[in-house]
């Protein structure tokens, strides 16, 4: 099991790191892909959220799971094939960002009939439902699973997210 460094940002308002600009660009790509999926279907059938989720998955997001146990959030992210040096974790009091990328060139394979390998780079942002103690966040990578432990701030309460319905 390899322990990974976590870039810890104490203020959720501090958006100066380059990773935040990358997230904005990724959101634009996802938005465009979701629009394309919606357009190809002809739209209007109440599946816009399905299109968004499919676009996220198609563009770059690895599978993930967020759980809460013993006063901490545990985030698991599937990163099969990535080495610890290729993974970066950034955390603020309300979000965790995982970026993994291979720095290698691929040889064109003339004998490949099809491939499901999409990218040598993934980026995932998870918004947390309550504040965490950024200073105590830890991350480990073992057998292709990144596990991040983010202890909740003592006495912190979850934030309710309002659900907006279409007009």
C-alpha atoms as a PDB file:
ATOM      1  CA  UNK A   1       0.000   0.000   0.000  1.00  0.00           C
ATOM      2  CA  UNK A   2       1.422   3.362  -1.021  1.00  0.00           C
ATOM      3  CA  UNK A   3       0.633   6.505   0.963  1.00  0.00           C
ATOM      4  CA  UNK A   4       0.026   9.508  -1.270  1.00  0.00           C
ATOM      5  CA  UNK A   5       0.568  13.164  -0.469  1.00  0.00           C
ATOM      6  CA  UNK A   6      -2.577  15.301  -0.292  1.00  0.00           C
ATOM      7  CA  UNK A   7      -2.472  18.937  -1.332  1.00  0.00           C
ATOM      8  CA  UNK A   8      -4.433  20.546   1.485  1.00  0.00           C
ATOM      9  CA  UNK A   9      -6.211  23.863   0.969  1.00  0.00           C
ATOM     10  CA  UNK A  10      -7.630  25.301   4.170  1.00  0.00           C
ATOM     11  CA  UNK A  11     -10.186  27.621   2.542  1.00  0.00           C
ATOM     12  CA  UNK A  12     -12.908  26.429   0.193  1.00  0.00           C
ATOM     13  CA  UNK A  13     -12.760  29.879  -1.445  1.00  0.00           C
ATOM     14  CA  UNK A  14      -9.099  29.482  -2.505  1.00  0.00           C
ATOM     15  CA  UNK A  15      -9.401  28.516  -6.199  1.00  0.00           C
ATOM     16  CA  UNK A  16      -5.927  29.674  -7.332  1.00  0.00           C
ATOM     17  CA  UNK A  17      -4.375  26.266  -8.053  1.00  0.00           C
ATOM     18  CA  UNK A  18      -4.265  25.101 -11.694  1.00  0.00           C
ATOM     19  CA  UNK A  19      -6.377  22.027 -10.820  1.00  0.00           C
ATOM     20  CA  UNK A  20      -9.442  24.270 -10.456  1.00  0.00           C
ATOM     21  CA  UNK A  21      -8.998  25.681 -13.979  1.00  0.00           C
ATOM     22  CA  UNK A  22      -8.665  22.091 -15.253  1.00  0.00           C
ATOM     23  CA  UNK A  23     -11.953  21.238 -13.538  1.00  0.00           C
ATOM     24  CA  UNK A  24     -13.666  24.173 -15.234  1.00  0.00           C
ATOM     25  CA  UNK A  25     -12.387  23.001 -18.643  1.00  0.00           C
ATOM     26  CA  UNK A  26     -13.508  19.451 -17.886  1.00  0.00           C
ATOM     27  CA  UNK A  27     -16.978  20.676 -16.913  1.00  0.00           C
ATOM     28  CA  UNK A  28     -17.213  22.421 -20.297  1.00  0.00           C
ATOM     29  CA  UNK A  29     -16.274  19.170 -22.083  1.00  0.00           C
ATOM     30  CA  UNK A  30     -18.857  17.224 -20.059  1.00  0.00           C
ATOM     31  CA  UNK A  31     -21.510  19.867 -20.750  1.00  0.00           C
ATOM     32  CA  UNK A  32     -20.800  19.635 -24.488  1.00  0.00           C
ATOM     33  CA  UNK A  33     -20.891  15.817 -24.489  1.00  0.00           C
ATOM     34  CA  UNK A  34     -24.160  15.806 -22.511  1.00  0.00           C
ATOM     35  CA  UNK A  35     -25.651  18.261 -25.005  1.00  0.00           C
ATOM     36  CA  UNK A  36     -24.526  16.046 -27.893  1.00  0.00           C
ATOM     37  CA  UNK A  37     -26.105  12.966 -26.274  1.00  0.00           C
ATOM     38  CA  UNK A  38     -29.306  14.930 -25.665  1.00  0.00           C
ATOM     39  CA  UNK A  39     -29.348  16.182 -29.272  1.00  0.00           C
ATOM     40  CA  UNK A  40     -28.796  12.729 -30.780  1.00  0.00           C
ATOM     41  CA  UNK A  41     -31.772  11.395 -28.809  1.00  0.00           C
ATOM     42  CA  UNK A  42     -33.940  14.270 -29.892  1.00  0.00           C
ATOM     43  CA  UNK A  43     -34.260  15.464 -26.278  1.00  0.00           C
ATOM     44  CA  UNK A  44     -37.440  16.171 -24.405  1.00  0.00           C
ATOM     45  CA  UNK A  45     -37.988  12.776 -22.777  1.00  0.00           C
ATOM     46  CA  UNK A  46     -36.867  13.547 -19.213  1.00  0.00           C
ATOM     47  CA  UNK A  47     -33.472  11.814 -19.510  1.00  0.00           C
ATOM     48  CA  UNK A  48     -31.229  14.896 -19.357  1.00  0.00           C
ATOM     49  CA  UNK A  49     -29.700  13.732 -16.058  1.00  0.00           C
ATOM     50  CA  UNK A  50     -28.932  10.345 -17.627  1.00  0.00           C
ATOM     51  CA  UNK A  51     -27.185  12.197 -20.453  1.00  0.00           C
ATOM     52  CA  UNK A  52     -25.112  14.201 -17.965  1.00  0.00           C
ATOM     53  CA  UNK A  53     -24.036  11.105 -16.009  1.00  0.00           C
ATOM     54  CA  UNK A  54     -23.168   9.261 -19.223  1.00  0.00           C
ATOM     55  CA  UNK A  55     -21.143  12.260 -20.410  1.00  0.00           C
ATOM     56  CA  UNK A  56     -19.198  12.364 -17.126  1.00  0.00           C
ATOM     57  CA  UNK A  57     -18.416   8.669 -17.422  1.00  0.00           C
ATOM     58  CA  UNK A  58     -17.458   8.947 -21.093  1.00  0.00           C
ATOM     59  CA  UNK A  59     -15.243  12.006 -20.747  1.00  0.00           C
ATOM     60  CA  UNK A  60     -12.998  10.902 -17.916  1.00  0.00           C
ATOM     61  CA  UNK A  61     -14.511  10.094 -14.563  1.00  0.00           C
ATOM     62  CA  UNK A  62     -13.468   6.859 -12.891  1.00  0.00           C
ATOM     63  CA  UNK A  63     -15.873   4.895 -10.706  1.00  0.00           C
ATOM     64  CA  UNK A  64     -16.042   6.142  -7.122  1.00  0.00           C
ATOM     65  CA  UNK A  65     -17.847   5.557  -3.849  1.00  0.00           C
ATOM     66  CA  UNK A  66     -18.326   7.895  -0.883  1.00  0.00           C
ATOM     67  CA  UNK A  67     -19.204   6.429   2.512  1.00  0.00           C
ATOM     68  CA  UNK A  68     -19.329   7.823   6.027  1.00  0.00           C
ATOM     69  CA  UNK A  69     -18.142   5.801   8.998  1.00  0.00           C
ATOM     70  CA  UNK A  70     -16.735   6.570  12.409  1.00  0.00           C
ATOM     71  CA  UNK A  71     -16.915  10.355  11.937  1.00  0.00           C
ATOM     72  CA  UNK A  72     -15.046  10.376   8.625  1.00  0.00           C
ATOM     73  CA  UNK A  73     -15.836  10.250   4.936  1.00  0.00           C
ATOM     74  CA  UNK A  74     -14.143   7.463   3.014  1.00  0.00           C
ATOM     75  CA  UNK A  75     -13.796   8.043  -0.706  1.00  0.00           C
ATOM     76  CA  UNK A  76     -12.794   5.111  -2.895  1.00  0.00           C
ATOM     77  CA  UNK A  77     -11.754   5.816  -6.499  1.00  0.00           C
ATOM     78  CA  UNK A  78     -10.936   3.120  -9.073  1.00  0.00           C
ATOM     79  CA  UNK A  79      -7.501   3.899 -10.552  1.00  0.00           C
ATOM     80  CA  UNK A  80      -6.411   0.597 -12.048  1.00  0.00           C
ATOM     81  CA  UNK A  81      -3.097   0.858 -13.878  1.00  0.00           C
ATOM     82  CA  UNK A  82      -1.923   4.069 -12.229  1.00  0.00           C
ATOM     83  CA  UNK A  83       1.219   4.254 -10.107  1.00  0.00           C
ATOM     84  CA  UNK A  84       1.304   6.381  -6.930  1.00  0.00           C
ATOM     85  CA  UNK A  85       3.576   8.963  -8.590  1.00  0.00           C
ATOM     86  CA  UNK A  86       0.921   9.480 -11.298  1.00  0.00           C
ATOM     87  CA  UNK A  87      -1.852  10.363  -8.826  1.00  0.00           C
ATOM     88  CA  UNK A  88      -2.482  13.705  -7.143  1.00  0.00           C
ATOM     89  CA  UNK A  89      -5.084  14.445  -4.487  1.00  0.00           C
ATOM     90  CA  UNK A  90      -6.252  17.961  -3.606  1.00  0.00           C
ATOM     91  CA  UNK A  91      -8.612  18.647  -0.719  1.00  0.00           C
ATOM     92  CA  UNK A  92     -10.547  21.639   0.582  1.00  0.00           C
ATOM     93  CA  UNK A  93     -12.956  21.628   3.537  1.00  0.00           C
ATOM     94  CA  UNK A  94     -15.831  20.670   1.193  1.00  0.00           C
ATOM     95  CA  UNK A  95     -14.339  18.799  -1.772  1.00  0.00           C
ATOM     96  CA  UNK A  96     -11.786  16.238  -2.865  1.00  0.00           C
ATOM     97  CA  UNK A  97     -10.188  16.301  -6.299  1.00  0.00           C
ATOM     98  CA  UNK A  98      -8.341  13.311  -7.724  1.00  0.00           C
ATOM     99  CA  UNK A  99      -6.206  13.555 -10.844  1.00  0.00           C
ATOM    100  CA  UNK A 100      -4.273  10.684 -12.374  1.00  0.00           C
ATOM    101  CA  UNK A 101      -2.362  10.678 -15.630  1.00  0.00           C
ATOM    102  CA  UNK A 102       0.188   8.556 -17.407  1.00  0.00           C
ATOM    103  CA  UNK A 103       3.148  10.323 -18.987  1.00  0.00           C
ATOM    104  CA  UNK A 104       3.834   7.902 -21.799  1.00  0.00           C
ATOM    105  CA  UNK A 105       3.432   7.618 -25.507  1.00  0.00           C
ATOM    106  CA  UNK A 106       1.520   4.809 -27.115  1.00  0.00           C
ATOM    107  CA  UNK A 107       2.734   2.890 -30.087  1.00  0.00           C
ATOM    108  CA  UNK A 108       0.030   2.650 -32.740  1.00  0.00           C
ATOM    109  CA  UNK A 109      -1.112  -0.942 -32.859  1.00  0.00           C
ATOM    110  CA  UNK A 110      -2.140  -2.052 -36.319  1.00  0.00           C
ATOM    111  CA  UNK A 111      -3.604  -5.293 -35.016  1.00  0.00           C
ATOM    112  CA  UNK A 112      -6.059  -3.732 -32.501  1.00  0.00           C
ATOM    113  CA  UNK A 113      -9.622  -4.487 -33.596  1.00  0.00           C
ATOM    114  CA  UNK A 114     -11.314  -2.492 -30.843  1.00  0.00           C
ATOM    115  CA  UNK A 115     -10.397  -0.934 -27.529  1.00  0.00           C
ATOM    116  CA  UNK A 116     -12.228   0.375 -24.480  1.00  0.00           C
ATOM    117  CA  UNK A 117      -9.167   2.263 -23.256  1.00  0.00           C
ATOM    118  CA  UNK A 118     -10.240   5.868 -23.506  1.00  0.00           C
ATOM    119  CA  UNK A 119      -7.660   7.983 -21.820  1.00  0.00           C
ATOM    120  CA  UNK A 120      -4.396   8.029 -19.976  1.00  0.00           C
ATOM    121  CA  UNK A 121      -5.803  10.781 -17.780  1.00  0.00           C
ATOM    122  CA  UNK A 122      -8.715  10.937 -15.328  1.00  0.00           C
ATOM    123  CA  UNK A 123     -10.040  13.702 -13.132  1.00  0.00           C
ATOM    124  CA  UNK A 124     -12.719  13.368 -10.472  1.00  0.00           C
ATOM    125  CA  UNK A 125     -14.182  15.984  -8.120  1.00  0.00           C
ATOM    126  CA  UNK A 126     -16.361  14.944  -5.204  1.00  0.00           C
ATOM    127  CA  UNK A 127     -18.267  17.516  -3.197  1.00  0.00           C
ATOM    128  CA  UNK A 128     -18.611  16.532   0.453  1.00  0.00           C
ATOM    129  CA  UNK A 129     -21.878  16.973   2.407  1.00  0.00           C
ATOM    130  CA  UNK A 130     -20.096  18.380   5.494  1.00  0.00           C
ATOM    131  CA  UNK A 131     -16.837  20.155   6.358  1.00  0.00           C
ATOM    132  CA  UNK A 132     -13.768  17.975   6.875  1.00  0.00           C
ATOM    133  CA  UNK A 133     -10.535  18.542   8.781  1.00  0.00           C
ATOM    134  CA  UNK A 134      -8.239  19.157   5.809  1.00  0.00           C
ATOM    135  CA  UNK A 135      -5.118  18.760   7.928  1.00  0.00           C
ATOM    136  CA  UNK A 136      -6.009  15.162   8.806  1.00  0.00           C
ATOM    137  CA  UNK A 137      -6.941  13.849   5.341  1.00  0.00           C
ATOM    138  CA  UNK A 138      -4.920  10.851   4.184  1.00  0.00           C
ATOM    139  CA  UNK A 139      -4.759   8.897   0.927  1.00  0.00           C
ATOM    140  CA  UNK A 140      -3.481   5.426   0.022  1.00  0.00           C
ATOM    141  CA  UNK A 141      -3.328   3.482  -3.237  1.00  0.00           C
ATOM    142  CA  UNK A 142      -3.461  -0.306  -3.175  1.00  0.00           C
ATOM    143  CA  UNK A 143      -4.322  -2.725  -5.976  1.00  0.00           C
ATOM    144  CA  UNK A 144      -5.741   0.035  -8.175  1.00  0.00           C
ATOM    145  CA  UNK A 145      -8.045   1.455  -5.495  1.00  0.00           C
ATOM    146  CA  UNK A 146      -7.369   4.920  -4.122  1.00  0.00           C
ATOM    147  CA  UNK A 147      -8.776   5.318  -0.623  1.00  0.00           C
ATOM    148  CA  UNK A 148      -9.054   8.762   0.918  1.00  0.00           C
ATOM    149  CA  UNK A 149     -10.024   9.210   4.553  1.00  0.00           C
ATOM    150  CA  UNK A 150     -11.401  12.682   5.374  1.00  0.00           C
ATOM    151  CA  UNK A 151     -12.341  13.151   9.049  1.00  0.00           C
ATOM    152  CA  UNK A 152     -15.323  15.412   9.616  1.00  0.00           C
ATOM    153  CA  UNK A 153     -14.859  18.620  11.555  1.00  0.00           C
ATOM    154  CA  UNK A 154     -16.013  18.069  15.134  1.00  0.00           C
ATOM    155  CA  UNK A 155     -19.566  19.333  15.559  1.00  0.00           C
ATOM    156  CA  UNK A 156     -19.972  19.972  11.831  1.00  0.00           C
ATOM    157  CA  UNK A 157     -23.375  19.416  10.327  1.00  0.00           C
ATOM    158  CA  UNK A 158     -24.345  18.316   6.870  1.00  0.00           C
ATOM    159  CA  UNK A 159     -25.567  20.929   4.425  1.00  0.00           C
ATOM    160  CA  UNK A 160     -28.908  20.274   2.814  1.00  0.00           C
ATOM    161  CA  UNK A 161     -28.834  20.771  -0.931  1.00  0.00           C
ATOM    162  CA  UNK A 162     -32.061  22.219  -2.281  1.00  0.00           C
ATOM    163  CA  UNK A 163     -33.654  20.339  -5.155  1.00  0.00           C
ATOM    164  CA  UNK A 164     -34.708  22.597  -7.984  1.00  0.00           C
ATOM    165  CA  UNK A 165     -37.477  21.370 -10.235  1.00  0.00           C
ATOM    166  CA  UNK A 166     -37.952  22.410 -13.822  1.00  0.00           C
ATOM    167  CA  UNK A 167     -40.290  25.275 -14.519  1.00  0.00           C
END
